[in-house]
Protein backbone atom coordinates (compact mmCIF):
# COMPACT_ATOMS: atom_id res chain seq x y z
CA MET A 1 222.17 83.37 154.08
CA LEU A 2 222.79 85.56 150.80
CA VAL A 3 223.66 82.40 148.99
CA LEU A 4 220.13 81.20 149.62
CA ALA A 5 218.59 84.16 148.19
CA GLY A 6 219.69 83.36 144.50
CA VAL A 7 216.87 83.36 142.06
CA GLY A 8 216.85 81.12 138.86
CA TYR A 9 214.34 79.35 136.76
CA SER A 10 212.96 76.29 138.38
CA SER A 11 212.22 73.30 136.20
CA PRO A 12 209.82 72.67 134.56
CA LEU A 13 207.69 75.60 133.63
CA THR A 14 203.99 74.91 133.17
CA PHE A 15 201.63 76.60 130.81
CA THR A 16 197.87 75.89 130.37
CA GLY A 17 194.96 76.94 128.14
CA THR A 18 191.30 76.40 127.63
CA LEU A 19 190.55 75.38 124.02
CA SER A 20 187.38 77.06 122.47
CA GLY A 21 186.05 78.37 119.16
CA ALA A 22 185.90 81.82 120.72
CA ASN A 23 189.70 81.83 121.08
CA GLU A 24 190.22 81.30 117.28
CA ASN A 25 190.88 84.22 114.99
CA PRO A 26 188.31 84.71 113.67
CA ALA A 27 186.10 83.01 116.25
CA THR A 28 184.54 79.93 114.84
CA GLY A 29 181.38 79.51 116.95
CA SER A 30 182.32 75.86 117.57
CA PRO A 31 180.86 74.08 120.47
CA GLY A 32 184.11 72.30 120.88
CA THR A 33 186.04 72.53 124.07
CA GLY A 34 189.16 71.13 125.64
CA SER A 35 192.33 71.90 127.60
CA ALA A 36 196.06 72.13 126.96
CA LEU A 37 198.86 71.50 129.43
CA VAL A 38 202.27 72.14 128.26
CA THR A 39 205.58 71.75 130.38
CA PHE A 40 208.96 72.99 129.21
CA ASP A 41 212.15 72.11 131.12
CA PRO A 42 214.83 74.67 130.21
CA VAL A 43 217.35 72.46 131.69
CA THR A 44 216.64 69.31 129.62
CA ALA A 45 215.01 71.16 126.68
CA LEU A 46 212.13 68.82 127.00
CA LEU A 47 208.56 70.05 125.88
CA THR A 48 205.62 67.88 126.96
CA VAL A 49 202.22 68.46 125.30
CA ASN A 50 198.96 67.18 126.71
CA VAL A 51 195.76 67.86 124.93
CA THR A 52 192.04 66.86 125.56
CA PHE A 53 189.35 67.86 123.25
CA SER A 54 185.66 67.00 122.65
CA GLY A 55 182.53 68.37 120.84
CA LEU A 56 184.33 69.33 117.49
CA GLU A 57 182.04 69.94 114.57
CA ALA A 58 184.04 67.72 112.39
CA GLY A 59 186.92 65.29 112.37
CA SER A 60 190.41 66.63 113.42
CA THR A 61 193.02 67.14 110.65
CA ALA A 62 195.89 68.57 112.59
CA SER A 63 197.12 70.21 115.90
CA HIS A 64 200.36 72.04 116.73
CA ILE A 65 201.56 75.07 118.64
CA HIS A 66 201.86 78.52 116.90
CA CYS A 67 204.40 81.16 118.03
CA CYS A 68 205.09 84.06 118.60
CA VAL A 69 202.28 86.63 118.86
CA ALA A 70 200.31 88.55 121.43
CA PRO A 71 197.01 86.91 122.46
CA GLY A 72 194.39 87.20 119.87
CA GLY A 73 196.81 87.37 117.05
CA THR A 74 197.81 84.86 114.52
CA ALA A 75 201.32 83.29 113.93
CA GLY A 76 202.93 80.69 112.03
CA VAL A 77 203.35 77.08 113.31
CA ALA A 78 206.34 76.41 115.49
CA THR A 79 206.16 72.79 116.17
CA PRO A 80 205.99 69.80 113.74
CA VAL A 81 203.95 70.19 110.57
CA PRO A 82 201.41 69.31 109.37
CA THR A 83 200.53 68.00 112.82
CA PHE A 84 201.92 66.69 116.08
CA PRO A 85 203.28 63.21 115.49
CA GLY A 86 200.55 60.67 116.65
CA PHE A 87 197.90 63.25 117.13
CA PRO A 88 194.42 61.66 116.78
CA LEU A 89 193.07 62.43 113.36
CA GLY A 90 189.46 62.21 111.99
CA VAL A 91 187.91 62.33 115.43
CA THR A 92 185.67 64.96 117.23
CA SER A 93 187.25 64.13 120.67
CA GLY A 94 190.39 62.72 121.96
CA THR A 95 193.36 62.90 124.09
CA TYR A 96 197.12 63.44 123.27
CA ALA A 97 200.37 63.32 125.25
CA GLN A 98 203.83 63.48 123.69
CA THR A 99 207.15 64.77 124.77
CA PHE A 100 209.55 66.69 122.38
CA ASP A 101 213.32 67.12 122.57
CA LEU A 102 213.74 70.66 121.49
CA THR A 103 217.38 70.26 120.55
CA LEU A 104 216.22 68.20 117.51
CA ALA A 105 215.06 69.79 114.13
CA SER A 106 212.29 67.26 114.00
CA SER A 107 210.57 69.10 116.89
CA PHE A 108 210.10 72.25 114.89
CA ASN A 109 208.49 73.50 111.75
CA PRO A 110 211.35 73.98 109.35
CA ALA A 111 209.94 77.51 108.53
CA PHE A 112 209.98 78.39 112.19
CA VAL A 113 213.75 77.41 112.36
CA THR A 114 214.63 79.39 109.29
CA ALA A 115 212.73 82.49 110.68
CA ASN A 116 214.80 82.14 113.82
CA GLY A 117 218.37 82.34 112.72
CA GLY A 118 218.27 79.16 110.65
CA THR A 119 219.46 77.07 113.81
CA VAL A 120 217.56 74.66 116.09
CA ALA A 121 219.09 76.59 118.95
CA GLY A 122 217.63 79.85 117.67
CA ALA A 123 214.29 78.20 117.29
CA GLU A 124 214.26 76.85 120.83
CA ALA A 125 215.30 80.13 122.26
CA ALA A 126 212.44 81.93 120.33
CA PHE A 127 209.94 79.21 121.25
CA ALA A 128 210.91 79.36 124.98
CA ALA A 129 210.57 83.14 124.99
CA GLY A 130 207.21 82.94 123.24
CA LEU A 131 205.98 80.42 125.85
CA GLU A 132 207.40 82.43 128.73
CA ASN A 133 205.72 85.56 127.51
CA GLY A 134 202.27 84.11 126.68
CA MET A 135 202.72 84.39 122.99
CA ALA A 136 202.11 80.89 121.84
CA TYR A 137 198.91 79.00 121.20
CA LEU A 138 197.72 75.44 120.70
CA ASN A 139 194.94 74.80 118.18
CA VAL A 140 193.16 71.88 116.65
CA HIS A 141 192.19 72.05 113.08
CA THR A 142 189.25 70.13 111.47
CA THR A 143 187.72 69.68 107.95
CA ALA A 144 184.90 72.09 109.05
CA PHE A 145 187.55 74.78 110.04
CA PRO A 146 190.87 74.17 108.19
CA GLY A 147 192.27 77.18 109.83
CA GLY A 148 191.59 75.95 113.28
CA GLU A 149 188.33 74.99 115.08
CA VAL A 150 189.51 75.57 118.66
CA ARG A 151 192.38 77.42 120.22
CA ALA A 152 194.12 77.94 123.44
CA PHE A 153 196.75 80.68 124.19
CA LEU A 154 199.21 79.01 126.55
CA ALA A 155 199.33 81.04 129.78
CA PRO A 156 202.30 80.54 132.17
CA VAL A 157 201.25 79.01 135.58
CA PRO A 158 202.63 81.20 138.44
CA GLU A 159 205.28 79.18 140.38
CA PRO A 160 204.93 79.08 144.18
CA VAL A 161 207.39 80.82 146.29
CA SER A 162 210.21 78.31 146.79
CA GLY A 163 211.60 77.37 150.27
CA THR A 164 215.00 78.44 149.12
CA LEU A 165 213.67 82.02 148.01
CA PHE A 166 211.70 82.23 151.21
CA ALA A 167 214.68 81.34 153.48
CA GLY A 168 216.82 83.81 151.40
CA ALA A 169 214.29 86.47 152.01
CA LEU A 170 214.25 85.67 155.75
CA GLY A 171 217.98 86.00 155.82
CA MET A 172 217.95 89.29 154.21
CA LEU A 173 215.47 90.56 156.72
CA TRP A 174 217.44 89.13 159.68
CA LEU A 175 220.63 90.97 158.38
CA MET A 176 218.70 94.19 157.88
CA ARG A 177 217.29 94.15 161.31
CA ARG A 178 220.70 93.08 162.87
CA ARG A 179 222.32 96.14 161.20
CA SER A 180 219.60 98.56 162.29
CA THR A 181 219.74 97.35 165.91
CA ALA A 182 223.62 97.56 165.95
CA ARG A 183 223.60 101.30 165.37
């Protein structure tokens, strides 16, 4: 029963955020909205980015994930620069979906790699920690707001209690009860 009580990361980890001008620093007042859904699989090192946005005041010029800073702050770009490959540019609404292999240098801003030990492994570790601690944000830049028109801090989605963890907890309770009644 104790073997069932083991706890570890499950794969993948999910992060979400709501894009808005109020989330930018400083706030933009943009009527733009959207959502970001990011998944990270620590076993395969794959990062999947899904973005939907609309109502921007001007055409998009870039989008990427910044890391690592407390919510409300501003940080450097962690993912490819100047923008995610294939992100829709010159539009006020759109969708984007892409998967990145975080074992590849091309998945990161070279400055982020340099700032995190000069290795892709160091960048991956820092980025994963930033995501897991709610210290990463995705934003969409436009010609009207070159510093970013809408932003979403990526918040971890709580994982449901797994059957294994639940079974392990039940096993521990059973052992504790058995020991207390055996006395």
